[in-house]
PDB file of N, CA and C in Angstrom:
ATOM      1  N   GLN A   1       0.635  11.285 -24.461  1.00  0.00           N
ATOM      2  CA  GLN A   1       1.885  10.576 -24.714  1.00  0.00           C
ATOM      3  C   GLN A   1       2.856  10.594 -23.346  1.00  0.00           C
ATOM      4  N   VAL A   2       3.729   9.697 -23.539  1.00  0.00           N
ATOM      5  CA  VAL A   2       4.629   9.302 -22.159  1.00  0.00           C
ATOM      6  C   VAL A   2       5.809   9.367 -22.605  1.00  0.00           C
ATOM      7  N   GLN A   3       6.772  10.235 -21.983  1.00  0.00           N
ATOM      8  CA  GLN A   3       8.146  10.053 -22.228  1.00  0.00           C
ATOM      9  C   GLN A   3       8.924   9.441 -21.120  1.00  0.00           C
ATOM     10  N   LEU A   4       9.793   8.638 -21.670  1.00  0.00           N
ATOM     11  CA  LEU A   4      10.664   8.026 -20.574  1.00  0.00           C
ATOM     12  C   LEU A   4      12.073   8.454 -20.702  1.00  0.00           C
ATOM     13  N   VAL A   5      12.670   8.563 -19.430  1.00  0.00           N
ATOM     14  CA  VAL A   5      14.161   8.940 -19.486  1.00  0.00           C
ATOM     15  C   VAL A   5      14.856   7.971 -18.358  1.00  0.00           C
ATOM     16  N   GLU A   6      15.971   7.126 -18.879  1.00  0.00           N
ATOM     17  CA  GLU A   6      16.837   6.502 -18.467  1.00  0.00           C
ATOM     18  C   GLU A   6      18.034   6.874 -18.031  1.00  0.00           C
ATOM     19  N   SER A   7      18.344   6.353 -16.605  1.00  0.00           N
ATOM     20  CA  SER A   7      19.933   6.519 -16.478  1.00  0.00           C
ATOM     21  C   SER A   7      20.362   5.273 -15.589  1.00  0.00           C
ATOM     22  N   GLY A   8      21.707   5.424 -15.397  1.00  0.00           N
ATOM     23  CA  GLY A   8      22.473   4.226 -14.656  1.00  0.00           C
ATOM     24  C   GLY A   8      23.073   3.262 -15.152  1.00  0.00           C
ATOM     25  N   GLY A   9      23.131   3.339 -16.428  1.00  0.00           N
ATOM     26  CA  GLY A   9      23.626   2.219 -17.215  1.00  0.00           C
ATOM     27  C   GLY A   9      25.369   2.518 -17.244  1.00  0.00           C
ATOM     28  N   GLY A  10      26.151   1.503 -17.299  1.00  0.00           N
ATOM     29  CA  GLY A  10      27.633   1.373 -17.303  1.00  0.00           C
ATOM     30  C   GLY A  10      28.208   0.306 -17.724  1.00  0.00           C
ATOM     31  N   LEU A  11      29.594   0.140 -17.267  1.00  0.00           N
ATOM     32  CA  LEU A  11      30.616  -0.893 -17.293  1.00  0.00           C
ATOM     33  C   LEU A  11      30.842  -1.336 -15.967  1.00  0.00           C
ATOM     34  N   VAL A  12      30.581  -2.810 -15.417  1.00  0.00           N
ATOM     35  CA  VAL A  12      30.786  -3.229 -14.204  1.00  0.00           C
ATOM     36  C   VAL A  12      31.713  -4.720 -14.640  1.00  0.00           C
ATOM     37  N   GLN A  13      32.424  -5.127 -13.600  1.00  0.00           N
ATOM     38  CA  GLN A  13      32.895  -6.217 -13.566  1.00  0.00           C
ATOM     39  C   GLN A  13      31.942  -7.490 -13.007  1.00  0.00           C
ATOM     40  N   ALA A  14      32.093  -8.598 -13.660  1.00  0.00           N
ATOM     41  CA  ALA A  14      31.181  -9.475 -12.970  1.00  0.00           C
ATOM     42  C   ALA A  14      31.114  -9.648 -11.587  1.00  0.00           C
ATOM     43  N   GLY A  15      29.895  -9.805 -10.941  1.00  0.00           N
ATOM     44  CA  GLY A  15      29.803  -9.955  -9.698  1.00  0.00           C
ATOM     45  C   GLY A  15      29.484  -8.628  -9.051  1.00  0.00           C
ATOM     46  N   GLY A  16      29.660  -7.633  -9.833  1.00  0.00           N
ATOM     47  CA  GLY A  16      29.089  -6.420  -9.227  1.00  0.00           C
ATOM     48  C   GLY A  16      27.433  -5.999  -9.596  1.00  0.00           C
ATOM     49  N   SER A  17      27.241  -4.684  -9.312  1.00  0.00           N
ATOM     50  CA  SER A  17      25.913  -4.003  -8.843  1.00  0.00           C
ATOM     51  C   SER A  17      25.923  -2.858  -9.882  1.00  0.00           C
ATOM     52  N   LEU A  18      24.736  -2.688 -10.305  1.00  0.00           N
ATOM     53  CA  LEU A  18      24.375  -1.433 -11.162  1.00  0.00           C
ATOM     54  C   LEU A  18      22.922  -0.926 -10.758  1.00  0.00           C
ATOM     55  N   ARG A  19      22.548   0.315 -10.568  1.00  0.00           N
ATOM     56  CA  ARG A  19      21.069   0.420 -10.666  1.00  0.00           C
ATOM     57  C   ARG A  19      20.408   1.292 -11.735  1.00  0.00           C
ATOM     58  N   LEU A  20      19.536   0.895 -12.366  1.00  0.00           N
ATOM     59  CA  LEU A  20      18.854   1.768 -13.349  1.00  0.00           C
ATOM     60  C   LEU A  20      17.722   2.477 -12.787  1.00  0.00           C
ATOM     61  N   SER A  21      17.483   3.514 -13.515  1.00  0.00           N
ATOM     62  CA  SER A  21      16.337   4.538 -13.135  1.00  0.00           C
ATOM     63  C   SER A  21      15.665   4.896 -14.462  1.00  0.00           C
ATOM     64  N   CYS A  22      14.213   4.930 -14.269  1.00  0.00           N
ATOM     65  CA  CYS A  22      13.589   5.489 -15.323  1.00  0.00           C
ATOM     66  C   CYS A  22      12.382   6.345 -14.914  1.00  0.00           C
ATOM     67  N   ALA A  23      12.535   7.735 -15.441  1.00  0.00           N
ATOM     68  CA  ALA A  23      11.461   8.320 -15.035  1.00  0.00           C
ATOM     69  C   ALA A  23      10.451   8.675 -16.237  1.00  0.00           C
ATOM     70  N   ALA A  24       8.921   8.822 -15.751  1.00  0.00           N
ATOM     71  CA  ALA A  24       7.958   8.890 -16.566  1.00  0.00           C
ATOM     72  C   ALA A  24       7.460  10.334 -16.631  1.00  0.00           C
ATOM     73  N   SER A  25       7.125  10.991 -17.634  1.00  0.00           N
ATOM     74  CA  SER A  25       6.737  12.264 -17.789  1.00  0.00           C
ATOM     75  C   SER A  25       5.650  12.786 -18.906  1.00  0.00           C
ATOM     76  N   GLY A  26       4.770  13.435 -18.911  1.00  0.00           N
ATOM     77  CA  GLY A  26       4.016  14.004 -20.138  1.00  0.00           C
ATOM     78  C   GLY A  26       2.649  13.489 -20.268  1.00  0.00           C
ATOM     79  N   SER A  27       2.134  12.885 -18.945  1.00  0.00           N
ATOM     80  CA  SER A  27       1.006  12.405 -19.281  1.00  0.00           C
ATOM     81  C   SER A  27       0.253  12.279 -17.907  1.00  0.00           C
ATOM     82  N   ARG A  28      -1.066  12.135 -17.818  1.00  0.00           N
ATOM     83  CA  ARG A  28      -1.939  11.936 -16.621  1.00  0.00           C
ATOM     84  C   ARG A  28      -1.857  10.489 -16.275  1.00  0.00           C
ATOM     85  N   PHE A  29      -1.172   9.947 -15.497  1.00  0.00           N
ATOM     86  CA  PHE A  29      -0.898   8.461 -15.288  1.00  0.00           C
ATOM     87  C   PHE A  29      -2.062   7.919 -14.574  1.00  0.00           C
ATOM     88  N   GLY A  30      -2.506   6.571 -15.013  1.00  0.00           N
ATOM     89  CA  GLY A  30      -3.569   5.923 -14.262  1.00  0.00           C
ATOM     90  C   GLY A  30      -3.154   4.588 -14.294  1.00  0.00           C
ATOM     91  N   ILE A  31      -3.842   3.656 -14.089  1.00  0.00           N
ATOM     92  CA  ILE A  31      -3.175   2.192 -13.837  1.00  0.00           C
ATOM     93  C   ILE A  31      -2.380   1.785 -14.984  1.00  0.00           C
ATOM     94  N   ASN A  32      -0.923   1.719 -14.587  1.00  0.00           N
ATOM     95  CA  ASN A  32      -0.332   1.084 -15.710  1.00  0.00           C
ATOM     96  C   ASN A  32       0.806   0.095 -15.145  1.00  0.00           C
ATOM     97  N   VAL A  33       1.574  -0.344 -15.813  1.00  0.00           N
ATOM     98  CA  VAL A  33       2.495  -1.422 -15.667  1.00  0.00           C
ATOM     99  C   VAL A  33       4.202  -0.613 -16.234  1.00  0.00           C
ATOM    100  N   MET A  34       4.937  -0.684 -15.529  1.00  0.00           N
ATOM    101  CA  MET A  34       6.408  -0.071 -16.123  1.00  0.00           C
ATOM    102  C   MET A  34       7.388  -1.561 -15.642  1.00  0.00           C
ATOM    103  N   GLY A  35       8.453  -1.359 -16.542  1.00  0.00           N
ATOM    104  CA  GLY A  35       9.281  -2.430 -16.696  1.00  0.00           C
ATOM    105  C   GLY A  35      10.621  -2.307 -17.503  1.00  0.00           C
ATOM    106  N   TRP A  36      11.367  -3.257 -17.326  1.00  0.00           N
ATOM    107  CA  TRP A  36      12.535  -3.257 -18.212  1.00  0.00           C
ATOM    108  C   TRP A  36      12.707  -4.471 -18.890  1.00  0.00           C
ATOM    109  N   TYR A  37      13.158  -4.031 -20.176  1.00  0.00           N
ATOM    110  CA  TYR A  37      13.479  -5.198 -21.217  1.00  0.00           C
ATOM    111  C   TYR A  37      15.145  -4.904 -21.338  1.00  0.00           C
ATOM    112  N   ARG A  38      15.521  -6.026 -22.091  1.00  0.00           N
ATOM    113  CA  ARG A  38      16.939  -5.773 -22.645  1.00  0.00           C
ATOM    114  C   ARG A  38      16.964  -6.594 -23.942  1.00  0.00           C
ATOM    115  N   GLN A  39      18.012  -6.092 -24.635  1.00  0.00           N
ATOM    116  CA  GLN A  39      18.260  -6.512 -26.012  1.00  0.00           C
ATOM    117  C   GLN A  39      19.715  -6.742 -26.091  1.00  0.00           C
ATOM    118  N   ALA A  40      20.300  -7.752 -26.627  1.00  0.00           N
ATOM    119  CA  ALA A  40      21.538  -7.845 -26.600  1.00  0.00           C
ATOM    120  C   ALA A  40      22.091  -8.025 -28.223  1.00  0.00           C
ATOM    121  N   PRO A  41      23.106  -7.629 -28.800  1.00  0.00           N
ATOM    122  CA  PRO A  41      23.505  -7.799 -30.054  1.00  0.00           C
ATOM    123  C   PRO A  41      23.009  -9.171 -30.915  1.00  0.00           C
ATOM    124  N   GLY A  42      22.095  -8.820 -31.828  1.00  0.00           N
ATOM    125  CA  GLY A  42      21.754  -9.947 -32.607  1.00  0.00           C
ATOM    126  C   GLY A  42      20.623 -10.616 -31.934  1.00  0.00           C
ATOM    127  N   LYS A  43      20.044 -10.297 -30.932  1.00  0.00           N
ATOM    128  CA  LYS A  43      19.044 -11.000 -30.353  1.00  0.00           C
ATOM    129  C   LYS A  43      17.709 -10.112 -30.214  1.00  0.00           C
ATOM    130  N   GLN A  44      16.721 -10.622 -29.893  1.00  0.00           N
ATOM    131  CA  GLN A  44      15.393 -10.104 -29.580  1.00  0.00           C
ATOM    132  C   GLN A  44      15.387  -9.340 -28.369  1.00  0.00           C
ATOM    133  N   ARG A  45      14.423  -8.501 -28.258  1.00  0.00           N
ATOM    134  CA  ARG A  45      14.420  -7.699 -27.129  1.00  0.00           C
ATOM    135  C   ARG A  45      13.300  -8.602 -26.108  1.00  0.00           C
ATOM    136  N   ASP A  46      14.019  -8.736 -24.728  1.00  0.00           N
ATOM    137  CA  ASP A  46      13.472  -9.851 -23.922  1.00  0.00           C
ATOM    138  C   ASP A  46      13.070  -8.957 -22.754  1.00  0.00           C
ATOM    139  N   LEU A  47      11.913  -9.685 -21.934  1.00  0.00           N
ATOM    140  CA  LEU A  47      11.419  -9.005 -20.693  1.00  0.00           C
ATOM    141  C   LEU A  47      12.515  -9.448 -19.309  1.00  0.00           C
ATOM    142  N   VAL A  48      12.954  -8.170 -18.720  1.00  0.00           N
ATOM    143  CA  VAL A  48      13.672  -8.440 -17.402  1.00  0.00           C
ATOM    144  C   VAL A  48      12.943  -8.354 -16.233  1.00  0.00           C
ATOM    145  N   ALA A  49      11.833  -7.501 -16.160  1.00  0.00           N
ATOM    146  CA  ALA A  49      11.217  -7.569 -15.085  1.00  0.00           C
ATOM    147  C   ALA A  49      10.138  -6.420 -15.142  1.00  0.00           C
ATOM    148  N   ILE A  50       8.741  -6.599 -14.773  1.00  0.00           N
ATOM    149  CA  ILE A  50       7.872  -5.483 -14.759  1.00  0.00           C
ATOM    150  C   ILE A  50       7.462  -5.242 -13.393  1.00  0.00           C
ATOM    151  N   ILE A  51       6.455  -4.310 -12.909  1.00  0.00           N
ATOM    152  CA  ILE A  51       5.737  -4.022 -11.875  1.00  0.00           C
ATOM    153  C   ILE A  51       4.616  -3.032 -11.945  1.00  0.00           C
ATOM    154  N   THR A  52       3.680  -3.501 -11.479  1.00  0.00           N
ATOM    155  CA  THR A  52       2.117  -2.863 -11.648  1.00  0.00           C
ATOM    156  C   THR A  52       2.387  -1.455 -10.603  1.00  0.00           C
ATOM    157  N   ARG A  53       1.463  -0.518 -10.815  1.00  0.00           N
ATOM    158  CA  ARG A  53       1.328   0.537  -9.939  1.00  0.00           C
ATOM    159  C   ARG A  53       1.046   0.251  -8.500  1.00  0.00           C
ATOM    160  N   GLY A  54       0.439  -0.966  -8.286  1.00  0.00           N
ATOM    161  CA  GLY A  54       0.168  -1.440  -7.099  1.00  0.00           C
ATOM    162  C   GLY A  54       1.348  -2.484  -6.193  1.00  0.00           C
ATOM    163  N   GLY A  55       2.483  -2.622  -7.038  1.00  0.00           N
ATOM    164  CA  GLY A  55       3.721  -3.290  -6.782  1.00  0.00           C
ATOM    165  C   GLY A  55       3.844  -4.987  -6.960  1.00  0.00           C
ATOM    166  N   VAL A  56       2.957  -5.147  -7.727  1.00  0.00           N
ATOM    167  CA  VAL A  56       3.108  -6.696  -8.322  1.00  0.00           C
ATOM    168  C   VAL A  56       3.979  -6.669  -8.967  1.00  0.00           C
ATOM    169  N   THR A  57       4.912  -7.648  -9.026  1.00  0.00           N
ATOM    170  CA  THR A  57       6.119  -7.685  -9.886  1.00  0.00           C
ATOM    171  C   THR A  57       6.198  -9.222 -10.607  1.00  0.00           C
ATOM    172  N   ASN A  58       6.977  -9.252 -11.758  1.00  0.00           N
ATOM    173  CA  ASN A  58       7.424 -10.576 -12.481  1.00  0.00           C
ATOM    174  C   ASN A  58       8.606 -10.279 -13.136  1.00  0.00           C
ATOM    175  N   TYR A  59       9.323 -11.502 -13.017  1.00  0.00           N
ATOM    176  CA  TYR A  59      11.024 -11.318 -13.398  1.00  0.00           C
ATOM    177  C   TYR A  59      11.090 -12.561 -14.588  1.00  0.00           C
ATOM    178  N   ALA A  60      12.027 -12.322 -15.271  1.00  0.00           N
ATOM    179  CA  ALA A  60      12.446 -13.231 -16.109  1.00  0.00           C
ATOM    180  C   ALA A  60      13.254 -14.202 -15.221  1.00  0.00           C
ATOM    181  N   ASP A  61      13.308 -15.685 -15.370  1.00  0.00           N
ATOM    182  CA  ASP A  61      13.909 -16.733 -14.858  1.00  0.00           C
ATOM    183  C   ASP A  61      15.429 -16.321 -14.435  1.00  0.00           C
ATOM    184  N   SER A  62      16.023 -15.875 -15.713  1.00  0.00           N
ATOM    185  CA  SER A  62      17.514 -15.732 -15.665  1.00  0.00           C
ATOM    186  C   SER A  62      17.728 -14.539 -14.467  1.00  0.00           C
ATOM    187  N   VAL A  63      17.056 -13.692 -14.059  1.00  0.00           N
ATOM    188  CA  VAL A  63      17.546 -12.709 -13.274  1.00  0.00           C
ATOM    189  C   VAL A  63      16.806 -12.805 -11.764  1.00  0.00           C
ATOM    190  N   LYS A  64      16.057 -13.715 -11.587  1.00  0.00           N
ATOM    191  CA  LYS A  64      15.415 -13.920 -10.109  1.00  0.00           C
ATOM    192  C   LYS A  64      16.206 -14.176  -9.226  1.00  0.00           C
ATOM    193  N   GLY A  65      16.089 -13.535  -8.161  1.00  0.00           N
ATOM    194  CA  GLY A  65      17.051 -13.607  -7.102  1.00  0.00           C
ATOM    195  C   GLY A  65      18.416 -12.602  -6.953  1.00  0.00           C
ATOM    196  N   ARG A  66      18.517 -12.051  -8.183  1.00  0.00           N
ATOM    197  CA  ARG A  66      19.517 -11.119  -8.368  1.00  0.00           C
ATOM    198  C   ARG A  66      19.059  -9.876  -8.824  1.00  0.00           C
ATOM    199  N   PHE A  67      18.204  -9.719  -9.399  1.00  0.00           N
ATOM    200  CA  PHE A  67      17.474  -8.430  -9.690  1.00  0.00           C
ATOM    201  C   PHE A  67      16.387  -7.818  -9.032  1.00  0.00           C
ATOM    202  N   THR A  68      16.324  -6.638  -8.593  1.00  0.00           N
ATOM    203  CA  THR A  68      15.030  -6.125  -7.822  1.00  0.00           C
ATOM    204  C   THR A  68      14.281  -5.107  -8.581  1.00  0.00           C
ATOM    205  N   ILE A  69      13.221  -5.265  -8.881  1.00  0.00           N
ATOM    206  CA  ILE A  69      12.273  -4.004  -9.540  1.00  0.00           C
ATOM    207  C   ILE A  69      11.716  -3.232  -8.355  1.00  0.00           C
ATOM    208  N   SER A  70      11.394  -2.020  -8.423  1.00  0.00           N
ATOM    209  CA  SER A  70      10.926  -1.213  -7.804  1.00  0.00           C
ATOM    210  C   SER A  70      10.112  -0.052  -8.251  1.00  0.00           C
ATOM    211  N   ARG A  71       9.424   0.669  -7.545  1.00  0.00           N
ATOM    212  CA  ARG A  71       8.912   1.988  -8.112  1.00  0.00           C
ATOM    213  C   ARG A  71       8.308   2.981  -7.321  1.00  0.00           C
ATOM    214  N   GLU A  72       8.428   4.273  -7.435  1.00  0.00           N
ATOM    215  CA  GLU A  72       7.848   5.291  -6.644  1.00  0.00           C
ATOM    216  C   GLU A  72       7.018   5.957  -7.537  1.00  0.00           C
ATOM    217  N   ASN A  73       5.682   5.856  -7.200  1.00  0.00           N
ATOM    218  CA  ASN A  73       4.557   6.153  -7.552  1.00  0.00           C
ATOM    219  C   ASN A  73       4.299   7.484  -7.681  1.00  0.00           C
ATOM    220  N   ALA A  74       4.766   8.300  -6.702  1.00  0.00           N
ATOM    221  CA  ALA A  74       4.831   9.665  -6.562  1.00  0.00           C
ATOM    222  C   ALA A  74       5.775  10.360  -7.878  1.00  0.00           C
ATOM    223  N   LYS A  75       6.754   9.893  -7.954  1.00  0.00           N
ATOM    224  CA  LYS A  75       7.819  10.293  -8.811  1.00  0.00           C
ATOM    225  C   LYS A  75       7.553   9.774 -10.259  1.00  0.00           C
ATOM    226  N   ASN A  76       6.352   8.894 -10.374  1.00  0.00           N
ATOM    227  CA  ASN A  76       6.416   8.156 -11.849  1.00  0.00           C
ATOM    228  C   ASN A  76       7.840   7.723 -12.183  1.00  0.00           C
ATOM    229  N   THR A  77       8.637   6.878 -11.241  1.00  0.00           N
ATOM    230  CA  THR A  77       9.897   6.584 -11.703  1.00  0.00           C
ATOM    231  C   THR A  77      10.025   4.881 -11.184  1.00  0.00           C
ATOM    232  N   VAL A  78      10.756   3.981 -11.642  1.00  0.00           N
ATOM    233  CA  VAL A  78      10.944   2.621 -11.586  1.00  0.00           C
ATOM    234  C   VAL A  78      12.314   2.692 -12.027  1.00  0.00           C
ATOM    235  N   TYR A  79      12.794   1.491 -10.771  1.00  0.00           N
ATOM    236  CA  TYR A  79      14.235   1.278 -10.640  1.00  0.00           C
ATOM    237  C   TYR A  79      14.413   0.022 -10.849  1.00  0.00           C
ATOM    238  N   LEU A  80      15.329  -0.370 -11.203  1.00  0.00           N
ATOM    239  CA  LEU A  80      15.964  -2.019 -11.543  1.00  0.00           C
ATOM    240  C   LEU A  80      17.355  -1.985 -10.771  1.00  0.00           C
ATOM    241  N   GLN A  81      17.498  -2.763  -9.870  1.00  0.00           N
ATOM    242  CA  GLN A  81      18.696  -2.937  -9.011  1.00  0.00           C
ATOM    243  C   GLN A  81      19.179  -4.371  -9.344  1.00  0.00           C
ATOM    244  N   MET A  82      20.259  -4.302  -9.839  1.00  0.00           N
ATOM    245  CA  MET A  82      20.852  -5.641 -10.462  1.00  0.00           C
ATOM    246  C   MET A  82      22.013  -5.613  -9.705  1.00  0.00           C
ATOM    247  N   ASN A  83      22.104  -6.949  -9.232  1.00  0.00           N
ATOM    248  CA  ASN A  83      23.156  -7.400  -8.336  1.00  0.00           C
ATOM    249  C   ASN A  83      23.986  -8.857  -8.795  1.00  0.00           C
ATOM    250  N   SER A  84      25.019  -8.817  -8.567  1.00  0.00           N
ATOM    251  CA  SER A  84      25.724 -10.328  -9.147  1.00  0.00           C
ATOM    252  C   SER A  84      25.708 -10.334 -10.631  1.00  0.00           C
ATOM    253  N   LEU A  85      26.081  -9.315 -11.085  1.00  0.00           N
ATOM    254  CA  LEU A  85      25.958  -9.278 -12.845  1.00  0.00           C
ATOM    255  C   LEU A  85      26.725 -10.310 -13.316  1.00  0.00           C
ATOM    256  N   LYS A  86      26.226 -10.697 -14.270  1.00  0.00           N
ATOM    257  CA  LYS A  86      27.028 -11.958 -15.007  1.00  0.00           C
ATOM    258  C   LYS A  86      27.492 -11.260 -16.634  1.00  0.00           C
ATOM    259  N   PRO A  87      28.353 -11.658 -17.400  1.00  0.00           N
ATOM    260  CA  PRO A  87      28.398 -11.329 -18.517  1.00  0.00           C
ATOM    261  C   PRO A  87      27.479 -11.472 -19.635  1.00  0.00           C
ATOM    262  N   GLU A  88      26.576 -12.269 -19.335  1.00  0.00           N
ATOM    263  CA  GLU A  88      25.404 -12.662 -20.077  1.00  0.00           C
ATOM    264  C   GLU A  88      24.415 -11.419 -19.739  1.00  0.00           C
ATOM    265  N   ASP A  89      24.500 -10.615 -18.898  1.00  0.00           N
ATOM    266  CA  ASP A  89      23.716  -9.749 -18.491  1.00  0.00           C
ATOM    267  C   ASP A  89      23.861  -8.491 -19.787  1.00  0.00           C
ATOM    268  N   THR A  90      24.950  -8.290 -20.081  1.00  0.00           N
ATOM    269  CA  THR A  90      25.316  -7.578 -21.095  1.00  0.00           C
ATOM    270  C   THR A  90      24.438  -7.181 -22.303  1.00  0.00           C
ATOM    271  N   ALA A  91      23.787  -5.835 -22.300  1.00  0.00           N
ATOM    272  CA  ALA A  91      22.761  -5.690 -23.237  1.00  0.00           C
ATOM    273  C   ALA A  91      22.362  -4.048 -23.086  1.00  0.00           C
ATOM    274  N   VAL A  92      21.557  -3.439 -23.867  1.00  0.00           N
ATOM    275  CA  VAL A  92      20.921  -2.523 -23.845  1.00  0.00           C
ATOM    276  C   VAL A  92      19.478  -2.490 -23.276  1.00  0.00           C
ATOM    277  N   TYR A  93      19.217  -1.928 -22.064  1.00  0.00           N
ATOM    278  CA  TYR A  93      18.279  -2.157 -21.140  1.00  0.00           C
ATOM    279  C   TYR A  93      17.231  -1.008 -21.438  1.00  0.00           C
ATOM    280  N   TYR A  94      16.019  -1.427 -21.816  1.00  0.00           N
ATOM    281  CA  TYR A  94      15.152  -0.230 -22.196  1.00  0.00           C
ATOM    282  C   TYR A  94      13.770  -0.367 -21.209  1.00  0.00           C
ATOM    283  N   CYS A  95      13.570   0.806 -20.821  1.00  0.00           N
ATOM    284  CA  CYS A  95      12.245   1.029 -19.918  1.00  0.00           C
ATOM    285  C   CYS A  95      10.879   1.102 -20.668  1.00  0.00           C
ATOM    286  N   ASN A  96      10.094   0.490 -20.102  1.00  0.00           N
ATOM    287  CA  ASN A  96       8.820   0.362 -20.760  1.00  0.00           C
ATOM    288  C   ASN A  96       7.670   0.828 -19.865  1.00  0.00           C
ATOM    289  N   PHE A  97       6.738   1.391 -20.672  1.00  0.00           N
ATOM    290  CA  PHE A  97       5.333   1.753 -20.003  1.00  0.00           C
ATOM    291  C   PHE A  97       4.412   1.399 -20.789  1.00  0.00           C
ATOM    292  N   ARG A  98       3.074   0.949 -19.976  1.00  0.00           N
ATOM    293  CA  ARG A  98       2.029   0.462 -20.682  1.00  0.00           C
ATOM    294  C   ARG A  98       0.670   0.559 -19.770  1.00  0.00           C
ATOM    295  N   TYR A  99      -0.008   1.429 -20.217  1.00  0.00           N
ATOM    296  CA  TYR A  99      -1.397   1.492 -19.319  1.00  0.00           C
ATOM    297  C   TYR A  99      -2.258  -0.301 -19.539  1.00  0.00           C
ATOM    298  N   LEU A 100      -2.443  -0.430 -18.296  1.00  0.00           N
ATOM    299  CA  LEU A 100      -2.968  -1.638 -18.032  1.00  0.00           C
ATOM    300  C   LEU A 100      -4.068  -2.193 -18.818  1.00  0.00           C
ATOM    301  N   GLY A 101      -4.030  -3.152 -19.637  1.00  0.00           N
ATOM    302  CA  GLY A 101      -4.959  -3.603 -20.605  1.00  0.00           C
ATOM    303  C   GLY A 101      -4.800  -3.220 -22.050  1.00  0.00           C
ATOM    304  N   ALA A 102      -3.863  -2.367 -22.144  1.00  0.00           N
ATOM    305  CA  ALA A 102      -3.660  -1.501 -23.469  1.00  0.00           C
ATOM    306  C   ALA A 102      -2.590  -2.360 -24.277  1.00  0.00           C
ATOM    307  N   THR A 103      -2.638  -2.038 -25.464  1.00  0.00           N
ATOM    308  CA  THR A 103      -1.496  -2.775 -26.379  1.00  0.00           C
ATOM    309  C   THR A 103      -0.270  -1.954 -26.880  1.00  0.00           C
ATOM    310  N   LEU A 104      -0.388  -0.385 -26.629  1.00  0.00           N
ATOM    311  CA  LEU A 104       0.697   0.497 -26.851  1.00  0.00           C
ATOM    312  C   LEU A 104       1.662   0.623 -25.848  1.00  0.00           C
ATOM    313  N   ASP A 105       2.702   0.055 -26.292  1.00  0.00           N
ATOM    314  CA  ASP A 105       4.080   0.414 -25.510  1.00  0.00           C
ATOM    315  C   ASP A 105       4.758   1.603 -25.862  1.00  0.00           C
ATOM    316  N   TYR A 106       5.167   2.413 -24.732  1.00  0.00           N
ATOM    317  CA  TYR A 106       6.063   3.566 -24.753  1.00  0.00           C
ATOM    318  C   TYR A 106       7.446   3.030 -24.187  1.00  0.00           C
ATOM    319  N   TRP A 107       8.598   3.213 -25.186  1.00  0.00           N
ATOM    320  CA  TRP A 107       9.944   2.941 -24.657  1.00  0.00           C
ATOM    321  C   TRP A 107      10.759   4.058 -24.438  1.00  0.00           C
ATOM    322  N   GLY A 108      11.729   3.902 -23.479  1.00  0.00           N
ATOM    323  CA  GLY A 108      12.812   4.595 -23.145  1.00  0.00           C
ATOM    324  C   GLY A 108      13.998   4.814 -24.155  1.00  0.00           C
ATOM    325  N   GLN A 109      15.019   5.427 -24.399  1.00  0.00           N
ATOM    326  CA  GLN A 109      15.910   5.474 -25.376  1.00  0.00           C
ATOM    327  C   GLN A 109      16.967   4.302 -25.072  1.00  0.00           C
ATOM    328  N   GLY A 110      17.039   3.641 -24.018  1.00  0.00           N
ATOM    329  CA  GLY A 110      17.825   2.685 -23.844  1.00  0.00           C
ATOM    330  C   GLY A 110      19.042   3.051 -23.340  1.00  0.00           C
ATOM    331  N   THR A 111      19.696   2.127 -22.254  1.00  0.00           N
ATOM    332  CA  THR A 111      20.982   2.505 -21.594  1.00  0.00           C
ATOM    333  C   THR A 111      21.638   1.039 -21.518  1.00  0.00           C
ATOM    334  N   GLN A 112      23.069   1.386 -21.971  1.00  0.00           N
ATOM    335  CA  GLN A 112      23.797   0.190 -22.234  1.00  0.00           C
ATOM    336  C   GLN A 112      24.432  -0.309 -20.891  1.00  0.00           C
ATOM    337  N   VAL A 113      24.437  -1.320 -20.563  1.00  0.00           N
ATOM    338  CA  VAL A 113      24.894  -2.345 -19.363  1.00  0.00           C
ATOM    339  C   VAL A 113      26.026  -3.243 -20.092  1.00  0.00           C
ATOM    340  N   THR A 114      27.163  -3.047 -19.638  1.00  0.00           N
ATOM    341  CA  THR A 114      28.285  -3.937 -20.153  1.00  0.00           C
ATOM    342  C   THR A 114      28.896  -4.766 -18.781  1.00  0.00           C
ATOM    343  N   VAL A 115      28.905  -6.056 -18.633  1.00  0.00           N
ATOM    344  CA  VAL A 115      29.570  -6.646 -17.695  1.00  0.00           C
ATOM    345  C   VAL A 115      30.625  -7.386 -18.041  1.00  0.00           C
ATOM    346  N   SER A 116      31.843  -7.223 -17.431  1.00  0.00           N
ATOM    347  CA  SER A 116      33.245  -7.721 -18.173  1.00  0.00           C
ATOM    348  C   SER A 116      33.541  -9.014 -17.154  1.00  0.00           C
ATOM    349  N   SER A 117      34.203  -9.988 -17.717  1.00  0.00           N
ATOM    350  CA  SER A 117      34.410 -11.177 -17.224  1.00  0.00           C
ATOM    351  C   SER A 117      35.713 -11.074 -16.529  1.00  0.00           C
TER     352      SER A 117
END
């Protein structure tokens, strides 16, 4: 079992920045992928960014150049630095953990990000 605890959401004006953190615990961690997804009201949950334990990243086109995902393997923690935020970035952001090659996803409780215009 893997538990994920997120922090760092909040309210920010358009053009501002926020940093999300997600700490994983509860298991012996092997090769894995951690990342962030988001879900706006009435919409599906979509990928924002993911990062492998080795540091390979992938971003949604809508956030490329504005968001940066990083991780500290020693702390089992993943971060999402969000710059130049737009109102359309408003959503609940969920941390995700998956062992490489597995189909089971672990999710955090979600953290609200609201960007005002």
